[in-house]
Amino acid sequence: KDKAVGVQLTDGTVIRARKAVISNADLWSTRKMVDATAIPALAEELDQRISRLDRCDSFLHLHVGINATGLPSSSNPDFPAQWASLESWERGVDAPRNLVLVSVASLLDPSLAPDGCHTIHAYVPATEPYKPWAGMDRTSAEYKTKKNEAAEVLWNAIEQQIPDVRER
């Protein structure tokens, strides 16, 4: 007893582990899945780990597919596959919305986008405070407005290399 031996799916199906049960979820989500009455030792261990950790700030992500007409089809010094955009060295790379990383993965692997297109991923690396977003109704106009405002820093970073990205 006191150990995980498998998982039960929402439809009631039970899958037994042969060697171990591994969770790819974060620690907090994993703990929510552990029944403390059924497996108290594991629940206590996870609670102790959680008590020693602080959550990191969130990421902002923007994933777009664009028409690549007139853009290079492979990375070069003038049009790199990845770049960083830093608004202010003085604010530091860990300041909210100050550092944006951008990747045009289709420059490295053309199979990631249809012919004539590129895929772009821009993000801030764990520097977005979550507290202002907590409890927001994700279907509300307020939330959509906040998302659009937050996305501006991501669009601006992409526009450093592709000024007309929003029209593509």
Protein backbone atom coordinates (compact mmCIF):
# COMPACT_ATOMS: atom_id res chain seq x y z
CA LYS A 1 0.00 0.00 0.00
CA ASP A 2 1.04 3.69 0.11
CA LYS A 3 2.27 3.71 -3.47
CA ALA A 4 0.82 4.48 -6.86
CA VAL A 5 0.36 1.34 -8.95
CA GLY A 6 -1.47 2.74 -11.96
CA VAL A 7 -4.02 5.29 -13.07
CA GLN A 8 -7.76 5.38 -13.40
CA LEU A 9 -9.09 7.31 -16.40
CA THR A 10 -12.21 9.45 -16.24
CA ASP A 11 -14.20 6.72 -18.01
CA GLY A 12 -13.29 4.30 -15.20
CA THR A 13 -10.65 2.35 -17.13
CA VAL A 14 -7.76 1.30 -14.89
CA ILE A 15 -4.25 1.06 -16.31
CA ARG A 16 -1.79 -0.76 -14.04
CA ALA A 17 1.88 0.16 -14.09
CA ARG A 18 4.53 -2.52 -14.55
CA LYS A 19 7.39 -0.58 -12.96
CA ALA A 20 6.34 2.95 -12.05
CA VAL A 21 3.72 5.65 -12.43
CA ILE A 22 5.18 8.81 -13.92
CA SER A 23 3.43 12.17 -14.01
CA ASN A 24 4.38 14.73 -16.62
CA ALA A 25 2.19 17.29 -14.87
CA ASP A 26 3.60 19.95 -12.59
CA LEU A 27 3.89 19.16 -8.88
CA TRP A 28 0.69 21.01 -7.94
CA SER A 29 -1.40 19.26 -10.62
CA THR A 30 0.09 15.89 -9.70
CA ARG A 31 -0.83 16.43 -6.04
CA LYS A 32 -4.45 17.16 -7.00
CA MET A 33 -4.60 13.73 -8.64
CA VAL A 34 -3.38 11.87 -5.53
CA ASP A 35 -6.08 10.72 -3.11
CA ALA A 36 -4.65 11.38 0.36
CA THR A 37 -6.91 8.77 1.95
CA ALA A 38 -5.80 6.07 -0.49
CA ILE A 39 -2.08 6.96 -0.63
CA PRO A 40 -1.28 9.13 2.41
CA ALA A 41 2.51 8.73 2.23
CA LEU A 42 2.68 9.95 -1.37
CA ALA A 43 0.26 12.79 -0.64
CA GLU A 44 2.40 13.88 2.34
CA GLU A 45 5.61 13.70 0.31
CA LEU A 46 4.10 15.85 -2.44
CA ASP A 47 2.72 18.32 0.13
CA GLN A 48 6.19 18.65 1.68
CA ARG A 49 7.78 19.26 -1.73
CA ILE A 50 5.15 21.86 -2.57
CA SER A 51 5.74 23.67 0.74
CA ARG A 52 9.39 24.19 -0.23
CA LEU A 53 8.67 25.67 -3.66
CA ASP A 54 7.54 28.99 -5.01
CA ARG A 55 5.75 29.05 -8.32
CA CYS A 56 7.63 30.80 -11.08
CA ASP A 57 5.99 33.50 -13.14
CA SER A 58 4.06 32.55 -16.25
CA PHE A 59 4.97 32.58 -19.91
CA LEU A 60 3.21 34.55 -22.63
CA HIS A 61 3.13 32.70 -25.96
CA LEU A 62 2.13 33.72 -29.46
CA HIS A 63 2.02 31.07 -32.19
CA VAL A 64 1.34 32.27 -35.72
CA GLY A 65 1.45 30.95 -39.25
CA ILE A 66 2.16 33.51 -41.94
CA ASN A 67 2.41 33.89 -45.68
CA ALA A 68 6.17 33.86 -46.33
CA THR A 69 6.10 35.52 -49.76
CA GLY A 70 9.24 37.63 -50.10
CA LEU A 71 10.87 36.19 -46.99
CA PRO A 72 13.89 33.88 -46.98
CA SER A 73 13.22 30.14 -46.90
CA SER A 74 16.33 29.42 -44.86
CA SER A 75 18.06 31.14 -41.98
CA ASN A 76 20.81 33.64 -42.75
CA PRO A 77 22.64 36.42 -40.86
CA ASP A 78 20.05 39.03 -41.93
CA PHE A 79 17.06 36.79 -41.22
CA PRO A 80 17.89 34.41 -38.34
CA ALA A 81 15.75 31.47 -37.28
CA GLN A 82 15.81 32.71 -33.68
CA TRP A 83 16.31 36.08 -32.11
CA ALA A 84 15.85 37.85 -28.80
CA SER A 85 14.26 41.24 -28.29
CA LEU A 86 15.20 43.10 -25.12
CA GLU A 87 13.45 46.40 -24.44
CA SER A 88 15.81 47.58 -21.67
CA TRP A 89 19.03 46.20 -20.22
CA GLU A 90 18.47 48.40 -17.18
CA ARG A 91 15.20 46.62 -16.31
CA GLY A 92 16.93 43.24 -16.53
CA VAL A 93 16.10 40.11 -18.49
CA ASP A 94 13.77 38.88 -15.74
CA ALA A 95 11.53 41.98 -15.78
CA PRO A 96 7.96 41.37 -16.96
CA ARG A 97 7.53 41.70 -20.73
CA ASN A 98 11.09 42.97 -21.17
CA LEU A 99 12.68 40.00 -22.94
CA VAL A 100 10.97 38.19 -25.83
CA LEU A 101 12.38 35.17 -27.60
CA VAL A 102 11.27 34.47 -31.17
CA SER A 103 11.69 31.36 -33.29
CA VAL A 104 10.82 30.79 -36.94
CA ALA A 105 11.15 27.01 -36.78
CA SER A 106 10.13 26.56 -40.43
CA LEU A 107 13.43 28.18 -41.43
CA LEU A 108 15.18 25.18 -39.84
CA ASP A 109 12.62 22.54 -40.85
CA PRO A 110 10.44 23.53 -43.81
CA SER A 111 8.10 20.58 -43.15
CA LEU A 112 6.70 22.54 -40.18
CA ALA A 113 4.72 24.86 -42.48
CA PRO A 114 2.94 24.53 -45.83
CA ASP A 115 4.86 25.67 -48.91
CA GLY A 116 5.10 29.44 -49.01
CA CYS A 117 4.43 29.84 -45.27
CA HIS A 118 6.36 30.15 -42.02
CA THR A 119 5.56 29.21 -38.43
CA ILE A 120 6.52 31.66 -35.70
CA HIS A 121 6.63 31.24 -31.94
CA ALA A 122 7.28 34.26 -29.72
CA TYR A 123 7.29 34.13 -25.94
CA VAL A 124 8.35 35.81 -22.72
CA PRO A 125 10.30 33.32 -20.59
CA ALA A 126 8.59 32.93 -17.21
CA THR A 127 8.48 36.64 -16.45
CA GLU A 128 4.72 37.33 -16.60
CA PRO A 129 3.18 37.69 -13.13
CA TYR A 130 0.14 35.42 -12.87
CA LYS A 131 -1.63 37.25 -10.05
CA PRO A 132 -3.31 39.86 -12.32
CA TRP A 133 -4.72 37.00 -14.43
CA ALA A 134 -5.88 34.80 -11.54
CA GLY A 135 -9.61 34.27 -11.35
CA MET A 136 -10.38 36.08 -14.61
CA ASP A 137 -13.26 34.74 -16.67
CA ARG A 138 -11.48 33.57 -19.81
CA THR A 139 -14.59 34.22 -21.89
CA SER A 140 -14.92 37.84 -20.74
CA ALA A 141 -14.20 40.97 -22.78
CA GLU A 142 -11.80 42.06 -20.00
CA TYR A 143 -9.74 38.89 -20.43
CA LYS A 144 -9.64 39.23 -24.24
CA THR A 145 -8.55 42.85 -23.93
CA LYS A 146 -5.83 41.90 -21.42
CA LYS A 147 -4.61 39.13 -23.77
CA ASN A 148 -4.42 41.49 -26.72
CA GLU A 149 -2.51 44.05 -24.64
CA ALA A 150 -0.09 41.36 -23.45
CA ALA A 151 0.43 40.09 -27.00
CA GLU A 152 1.66 43.50 -28.18
CA VAL A 153 5.16 42.93 -26.80
CA LEU A 154 5.29 39.62 -28.71
CA TRP A 155 4.09 41.16 -31.98
CA ASN A 156 6.62 44.00 -31.56
CA ALA A 157 9.48 41.50 -31.21
CA ILE A 158 8.43 39.68 -34.40
CA GLU A 159 8.09 43.00 -36.24
CA GLN A 160 11.80 43.66 -35.68
CA GLN A 161 12.47 41.09 -38.42
CA ILE A 162 9.10 41.02 -40.22
CA PRO A 163 7.62 44.54 -40.06
CA ASP A 164 4.43 43.54 -41.93
CA VAL A 165 3.79 40.30 -39.99
CA ARG A 166 0.28 41.31 -38.94
CA GLU A 167 -0.78 41.75 -42.57
CA ARG A 168 0.57 38.37 -43.62
